[in-house]
N, C-alpha and C. Protein backbone atom coordinates (compact mmCIF):
# COMPACT_ATOMS: atom_id res chain seq x y z
N MET A 1 17.80 -51.75 -2.79
CA MET A 1 18.45 -50.72 -2.00
C MET A 1 19.32 -49.88 -2.93
N THR A 2 19.14 -48.59 -2.90
CA THR A 2 19.96 -47.69 -3.70
C THR A 2 21.04 -47.08 -2.81
N ARG A 3 22.28 -47.29 -3.21
CA ARG A 3 23.41 -46.75 -2.45
C ARG A 3 23.80 -45.41 -3.04
N SER A 4 24.15 -44.47 -2.21
CA SER A 4 24.52 -43.14 -2.67
C SER A 4 25.94 -43.16 -3.23
N PRO A 5 26.29 -42.17 -4.08
CA PRO A 5 27.67 -42.06 -4.55
C PRO A 5 28.68 -41.96 -3.40
N LEU A 6 28.29 -41.35 -2.29
CA LEU A 6 29.21 -41.25 -1.16
C LEU A 6 29.46 -42.60 -0.51
N THR A 7 28.43 -43.43 -0.43
CA THR A 7 28.60 -44.78 0.11
C THR A 7 29.51 -45.59 -0.81
N LEU A 8 29.31 -45.45 -2.12
CA LEU A 8 30.16 -46.16 -3.07
C LEU A 8 31.59 -45.63 -3.04
N ALA A 9 31.75 -44.33 -2.81
CA ALA A 9 33.09 -43.75 -2.69
C ALA A 9 33.81 -44.33 -1.48
N ALA A 10 33.09 -44.54 -0.39
CA ALA A 10 33.70 -45.15 0.80
C ALA A 10 34.19 -46.56 0.49
N ALA A 11 33.40 -47.32 -0.27
CA ALA A 11 33.83 -48.67 -0.67
C ALA A 11 35.07 -48.60 -1.54
N ALA A 12 35.12 -47.62 -2.44
CA ALA A 12 36.28 -47.48 -3.33
C ALA A 12 37.54 -47.17 -2.55
N THR A 13 37.43 -46.35 -1.50
CA THR A 13 38.63 -46.04 -0.71
C THR A 13 39.12 -47.28 0.03
N SER A 14 38.22 -48.18 0.34
CA SER A 14 38.62 -49.44 0.95
C SER A 14 39.30 -50.35 -0.08
N ALA A 15 38.81 -50.32 -1.31
CA ALA A 15 39.38 -51.14 -2.38
C ALA A 15 40.70 -50.60 -2.88
N LEU A 16 40.90 -49.29 -2.76
CA LEU A 16 42.10 -48.63 -3.28
C LEU A 16 42.80 -47.89 -2.15
N PRO A 17 43.54 -48.60 -1.31
CA PRO A 17 44.22 -47.92 -0.20
C PRO A 17 45.19 -46.85 -0.71
N ARG A 18 45.39 -45.85 0.09
CA ARG A 18 46.30 -44.74 -0.22
C ARG A 18 45.81 -43.87 -1.37
N VAL A 19 44.52 -43.93 -1.68
CA VAL A 19 43.94 -43.09 -2.72
C VAL A 19 42.81 -42.30 -2.09
N GLY A 20 42.74 -41.01 -2.39
CA GLY A 20 41.66 -40.18 -1.88
C GLY A 20 40.65 -39.87 -2.96
N VAL A 21 39.42 -39.74 -2.57
CA VAL A 21 38.34 -39.37 -3.49
C VAL A 21 38.05 -37.89 -3.28
N VAL A 22 38.09 -37.10 -4.36
CA VAL A 22 37.83 -35.68 -4.25
C VAL A 22 36.46 -35.28 -4.81
N ALA A 23 35.82 -36.18 -5.58
CA ALA A 23 34.48 -35.90 -6.11
C ALA A 23 33.78 -37.22 -6.38
N ALA A 24 32.47 -37.23 -6.19
CA ALA A 24 31.66 -38.42 -6.44
C ALA A 24 30.32 -38.00 -7.00
N GLY A 25 29.86 -38.73 -8.01
CA GLY A 25 28.55 -38.44 -8.58
C GLY A 25 27.96 -39.70 -9.18
N PRO A 26 26.67 -39.67 -9.47
CA PRO A 26 26.03 -40.86 -10.04
C PRO A 26 26.55 -41.14 -11.45
N LEU A 27 26.62 -42.41 -11.81
CA LEU A 27 27.04 -42.79 -13.16
C LEU A 27 25.88 -42.66 -14.14
N THR A 28 24.69 -42.98 -13.67
CA THR A 28 23.50 -42.90 -14.52
C THR A 28 22.47 -41.97 -13.89
N SER A 29 21.51 -41.59 -14.69
CA SER A 29 20.49 -40.66 -14.19
C SER A 29 19.28 -41.38 -13.60
N THR A 30 19.17 -42.69 -13.81
CA THR A 30 18.03 -43.42 -13.27
C THR A 30 18.36 -43.96 -11.90
N ALA A 31 17.35 -44.08 -11.07
CA ALA A 31 17.57 -44.50 -9.68
C ALA A 31 17.45 -46.00 -9.51
N THR A 32 17.00 -46.72 -10.52
CA THR A 32 16.85 -48.17 -10.38
C THR A 32 17.64 -48.87 -11.46
N GLY A 33 18.04 -50.07 -11.17
CA GLY A 33 18.79 -50.86 -12.12
C GLY A 33 19.41 -52.04 -11.41
N ARG A 34 20.24 -52.76 -12.14
CA ARG A 34 20.88 -53.95 -11.60
C ARG A 34 22.05 -53.59 -10.67
N PHE A 35 22.60 -52.39 -10.85
CA PHE A 35 23.76 -51.97 -10.08
C PHE A 35 23.55 -50.57 -9.53
N ASP A 36 24.11 -50.32 -8.37
CA ASP A 36 24.28 -48.96 -7.88
C ASP A 36 25.68 -48.57 -8.35
N SER A 37 25.81 -47.41 -8.98
CA SER A 37 27.11 -47.05 -9.56
C SER A 37 27.37 -45.57 -9.41
N ALA A 38 28.67 -45.25 -9.39
CA ALA A 38 29.08 -43.85 -9.27
C ALA A 38 30.39 -43.66 -10.02
N VAL A 39 30.60 -42.42 -10.47
CA VAL A 39 31.87 -42.01 -11.06
C VAL A 39 32.59 -41.20 -9.99
N LEU A 40 33.84 -41.55 -9.75
CA LEU A 40 34.63 -40.86 -8.73
C LEU A 40 35.84 -40.20 -9.38
N THR A 41 36.21 -39.04 -8.87
CA THR A 41 37.47 -38.41 -9.25
C THR A 41 38.43 -38.60 -8.08
N LEU A 42 39.60 -39.16 -8.38
CA LEU A 42 40.58 -39.43 -7.34
C LEU A 42 41.53 -38.25 -7.18
N ASP A 43 42.25 -38.23 -6.07
CA ASP A 43 43.15 -37.11 -5.79
C ASP A 43 44.32 -37.02 -6.76
N ASP A 44 44.56 -38.06 -7.56
CA ASP A 44 45.61 -38.00 -8.58
C ASP A 44 45.05 -37.63 -9.95
N GLY A 45 43.75 -37.28 -10.02
CA GLY A 45 43.13 -36.84 -11.26
C GLY A 45 42.43 -37.92 -12.05
N ARG A 46 42.66 -39.18 -11.71
CA ARG A 46 41.99 -40.27 -12.43
C ARG A 46 40.50 -40.28 -12.11
N ARG A 47 39.72 -40.77 -13.09
CA ARG A 47 38.30 -41.01 -12.87
C ARG A 47 38.08 -42.51 -12.89
N VAL A 48 37.32 -42.98 -11.92
CA VAL A 48 37.04 -44.41 -11.81
C VAL A 48 35.54 -44.62 -11.63
N VAL A 49 35.12 -45.85 -11.87
CA VAL A 49 33.73 -46.24 -11.68
C VAL A 49 33.68 -47.28 -10.58
N VAL A 50 32.73 -47.13 -9.70
CA VAL A 50 32.50 -48.15 -8.67
C VAL A 50 31.05 -48.61 -8.81
N ARG A 51 30.88 -49.94 -8.80
CA ARG A 51 29.55 -50.54 -8.94
C ARG A 51 29.33 -51.59 -7.87
N ALA A 52 28.12 -51.62 -7.35
CA ALA A 52 27.71 -52.63 -6.38
C ALA A 52 26.39 -53.22 -6.88
N PRO A 53 26.25 -54.52 -6.79
CA PRO A 53 25.03 -55.16 -7.30
C PRO A 53 23.81 -54.86 -6.44
N ALA A 54 22.68 -54.76 -7.12
CA ALA A 54 21.42 -54.52 -6.42
C ALA A 54 20.61 -55.80 -6.22
N THR A 55 20.99 -56.87 -6.94
CA THR A 55 20.28 -58.15 -6.84
C THR A 55 21.29 -59.29 -6.76
N ASP A 56 20.81 -60.46 -6.40
CA ASP A 56 21.69 -61.63 -6.35
C ASP A 56 22.21 -61.97 -7.74
N ASP A 57 21.35 -61.88 -8.77
CA ASP A 57 21.80 -62.15 -10.14
C ASP A 57 22.89 -61.17 -10.56
N ALA A 58 22.70 -59.90 -10.23
CA ALA A 58 23.70 -58.89 -10.57
C ALA A 58 25.00 -59.14 -9.82
N ALA A 59 24.93 -59.65 -8.61
CA ALA A 59 26.13 -59.97 -7.84
C ALA A 59 26.94 -61.06 -8.53
N ARG A 60 26.25 -62.08 -9.03
CA ARG A 60 26.95 -63.14 -9.76
C ARG A 60 27.57 -62.60 -11.04
N ASP A 61 26.85 -61.75 -11.75
CA ASP A 61 27.38 -61.17 -12.99
C ASP A 61 28.59 -60.28 -12.71
N LEU A 62 28.52 -59.50 -11.64
CA LEU A 62 29.63 -58.60 -11.31
C LEU A 62 30.87 -59.40 -10.89
N ALA A 63 30.66 -60.50 -10.17
CA ALA A 63 31.79 -61.37 -9.79
C ALA A 63 32.44 -61.98 -11.03
N ALA A 64 31.63 -62.40 -11.99
CA ALA A 64 32.17 -62.96 -13.23
C ALA A 64 32.91 -61.89 -14.03
N GLU A 65 32.37 -60.68 -14.06
CA GLU A 65 33.03 -59.58 -14.76
C GLU A 65 34.38 -59.26 -14.12
N ALA A 66 34.43 -59.23 -12.81
CA ALA A 66 35.69 -58.95 -12.12
C ALA A 66 36.73 -60.01 -12.45
N LEU A 67 36.32 -61.26 -12.46
CA LEU A 67 37.23 -62.36 -12.80
C LEU A 67 37.73 -62.22 -14.23
N ALA A 68 36.84 -61.91 -15.16
CA ALA A 68 37.23 -61.75 -16.56
C ALA A 68 38.18 -60.57 -16.76
N LEU A 69 37.90 -59.45 -16.10
CA LEU A 69 38.77 -58.28 -16.25
C LEU A 69 40.16 -58.54 -15.69
N ARG A 70 40.23 -59.26 -14.58
CA ARG A 70 41.53 -59.59 -13.99
C ARG A 70 42.32 -60.54 -14.87
N ALA A 71 41.63 -61.34 -15.68
CA ALA A 71 42.30 -62.32 -16.55
C ALA A 71 42.83 -61.69 -17.84
N LEU A 72 42.42 -60.48 -18.15
CA LEU A 72 42.86 -59.84 -19.39
C LEU A 72 44.30 -59.34 -19.25
N THR A 73 45.21 -60.07 -19.82
CA THR A 73 46.62 -59.68 -19.81
C THR A 73 46.85 -58.58 -20.83
N PRO A 74 47.97 -57.87 -20.76
CA PRO A 74 48.27 -56.87 -21.78
C PRO A 74 48.27 -57.45 -23.19
N GLY A 75 48.75 -58.68 -23.35
CA GLY A 75 48.75 -59.31 -24.67
C GLY A 75 47.34 -59.54 -25.21
N VAL A 76 46.45 -60.01 -24.35
CA VAL A 76 45.06 -60.22 -24.75
C VAL A 76 44.40 -58.89 -25.07
N ARG A 77 44.66 -57.88 -24.23
CA ARG A 77 44.07 -56.55 -24.46
C ARG A 77 44.52 -55.98 -25.80
N ALA A 78 45.77 -56.28 -26.22
CA ALA A 78 46.30 -55.75 -27.46
C ALA A 78 45.55 -56.29 -28.68
N VAL A 79 44.98 -57.47 -28.60
CA VAL A 79 44.29 -58.06 -29.75
C VAL A 79 42.77 -57.97 -29.65
N LEU A 80 42.26 -57.33 -28.62
CA LEU A 80 40.80 -57.24 -28.45
C LEU A 80 40.13 -56.42 -29.56
N GLY A 81 40.77 -55.39 -30.02
CA GLY A 81 40.13 -54.52 -31.01
C GLY A 81 39.25 -53.46 -30.38
N MET A 82 39.21 -53.42 -29.07
CA MET A 82 38.46 -52.40 -28.33
C MET A 82 39.12 -52.26 -26.96
N ARG A 83 38.79 -51.19 -26.29
CA ARG A 83 39.34 -50.97 -24.96
C ARG A 83 38.40 -51.55 -23.91
N ALA A 84 38.93 -52.36 -23.02
CA ALA A 84 38.16 -52.93 -21.92
C ALA A 84 38.56 -52.20 -20.64
N PRO A 85 37.63 -52.05 -19.71
CA PRO A 85 37.99 -51.41 -18.44
C PRO A 85 39.10 -52.16 -17.72
N GLU A 86 39.89 -51.43 -16.97
CA GLU A 86 40.94 -52.02 -16.14
C GLU A 86 40.38 -52.30 -14.75
N TYR A 87 40.59 -53.51 -14.28
CA TYR A 87 40.22 -53.87 -12.91
C TYR A 87 41.16 -53.13 -11.96
N LEU A 88 40.60 -52.41 -10.99
CA LEU A 88 41.42 -51.70 -10.01
C LEU A 88 41.32 -52.29 -8.62
N GLY A 89 40.16 -52.85 -8.27
CA GLY A 89 40.02 -53.44 -6.95
C GLY A 89 38.58 -53.75 -6.61
N GLU A 90 38.41 -54.40 -5.47
CA GLU A 90 37.09 -54.75 -4.94
C GLU A 90 37.10 -54.54 -3.44
N ALA A 91 35.93 -54.32 -2.90
CA ALA A 91 35.79 -54.18 -1.45
C ALA A 91 34.41 -54.65 -1.03
N GLY A 92 34.33 -55.10 0.20
CA GLY A 92 33.04 -55.49 0.74
C GLY A 92 32.18 -54.27 1.01
N LEU A 93 30.92 -54.41 0.73
CA LEU A 93 29.94 -53.34 0.99
C LEU A 93 28.70 -54.03 1.54
N GLY A 94 28.67 -54.17 2.85
CA GLY A 94 27.60 -54.96 3.45
C GLY A 94 27.80 -56.42 3.09
N ASP A 95 26.79 -57.02 2.49
CA ASP A 95 26.89 -58.44 2.14
C ASP A 95 27.24 -58.65 0.66
N VAL A 96 27.68 -57.61 -0.04
CA VAL A 96 28.06 -57.73 -1.45
C VAL A 96 29.47 -57.18 -1.66
N ARG A 97 29.99 -57.35 -2.86
CA ARG A 97 31.29 -56.81 -3.23
C ARG A 97 31.08 -55.65 -4.21
N ALA A 98 31.80 -54.57 -4.00
CA ALA A 98 31.80 -53.43 -4.93
C ALA A 98 33.03 -53.56 -5.82
N LEU A 99 32.86 -53.35 -7.11
CA LEU A 99 33.94 -53.44 -8.09
C LEU A 99 34.36 -52.05 -8.53
N VAL A 100 35.67 -51.80 -8.55
CA VAL A 100 36.20 -50.51 -9.00
C VAL A 100 37.00 -50.74 -10.27
N THR A 101 36.66 -50.00 -11.32
CA THR A 101 37.38 -50.06 -12.60
C THR A 101 37.72 -48.63 -13.02
N ASP A 102 38.62 -48.52 -14.01
CA ASP A 102 38.87 -47.19 -14.54
C ASP A 102 37.67 -46.75 -15.37
N PHE A 103 37.59 -45.46 -15.65
CA PHE A 103 36.44 -44.90 -16.37
C PHE A 103 36.77 -44.81 -17.84
C-alpha cells in the first residue's frame, strides 16, 4: 500500500501536536520501497521526514530505529562523528506506526 504525502502529513500532525504542516511532498521519486515517506514543511519553517513501513519487516526495522534514535543522548551524539536524525515523534497510521524525524 502506498500512502500519499498528505496521509503521512496527517500522521505527523498527530505525532507533533500544536504543529501545522504547510507543505508536503514525496521524499523519493520511486513509488515502491520498504517505507512510504514524505518531506514536510512545518509552520515554523522546519523540514521533517515522516515514514511509515510498507511491510512487516520494515515495521520492525522502523521500531528499532525509533528506539535507537530516542536513546541517542546529546553526549553520545557529540562523539558520533556524524549527524544522526533527531526523533520527533510517532503516531499510529492504521495498523502501523509512522516515525517523524528532522530532515
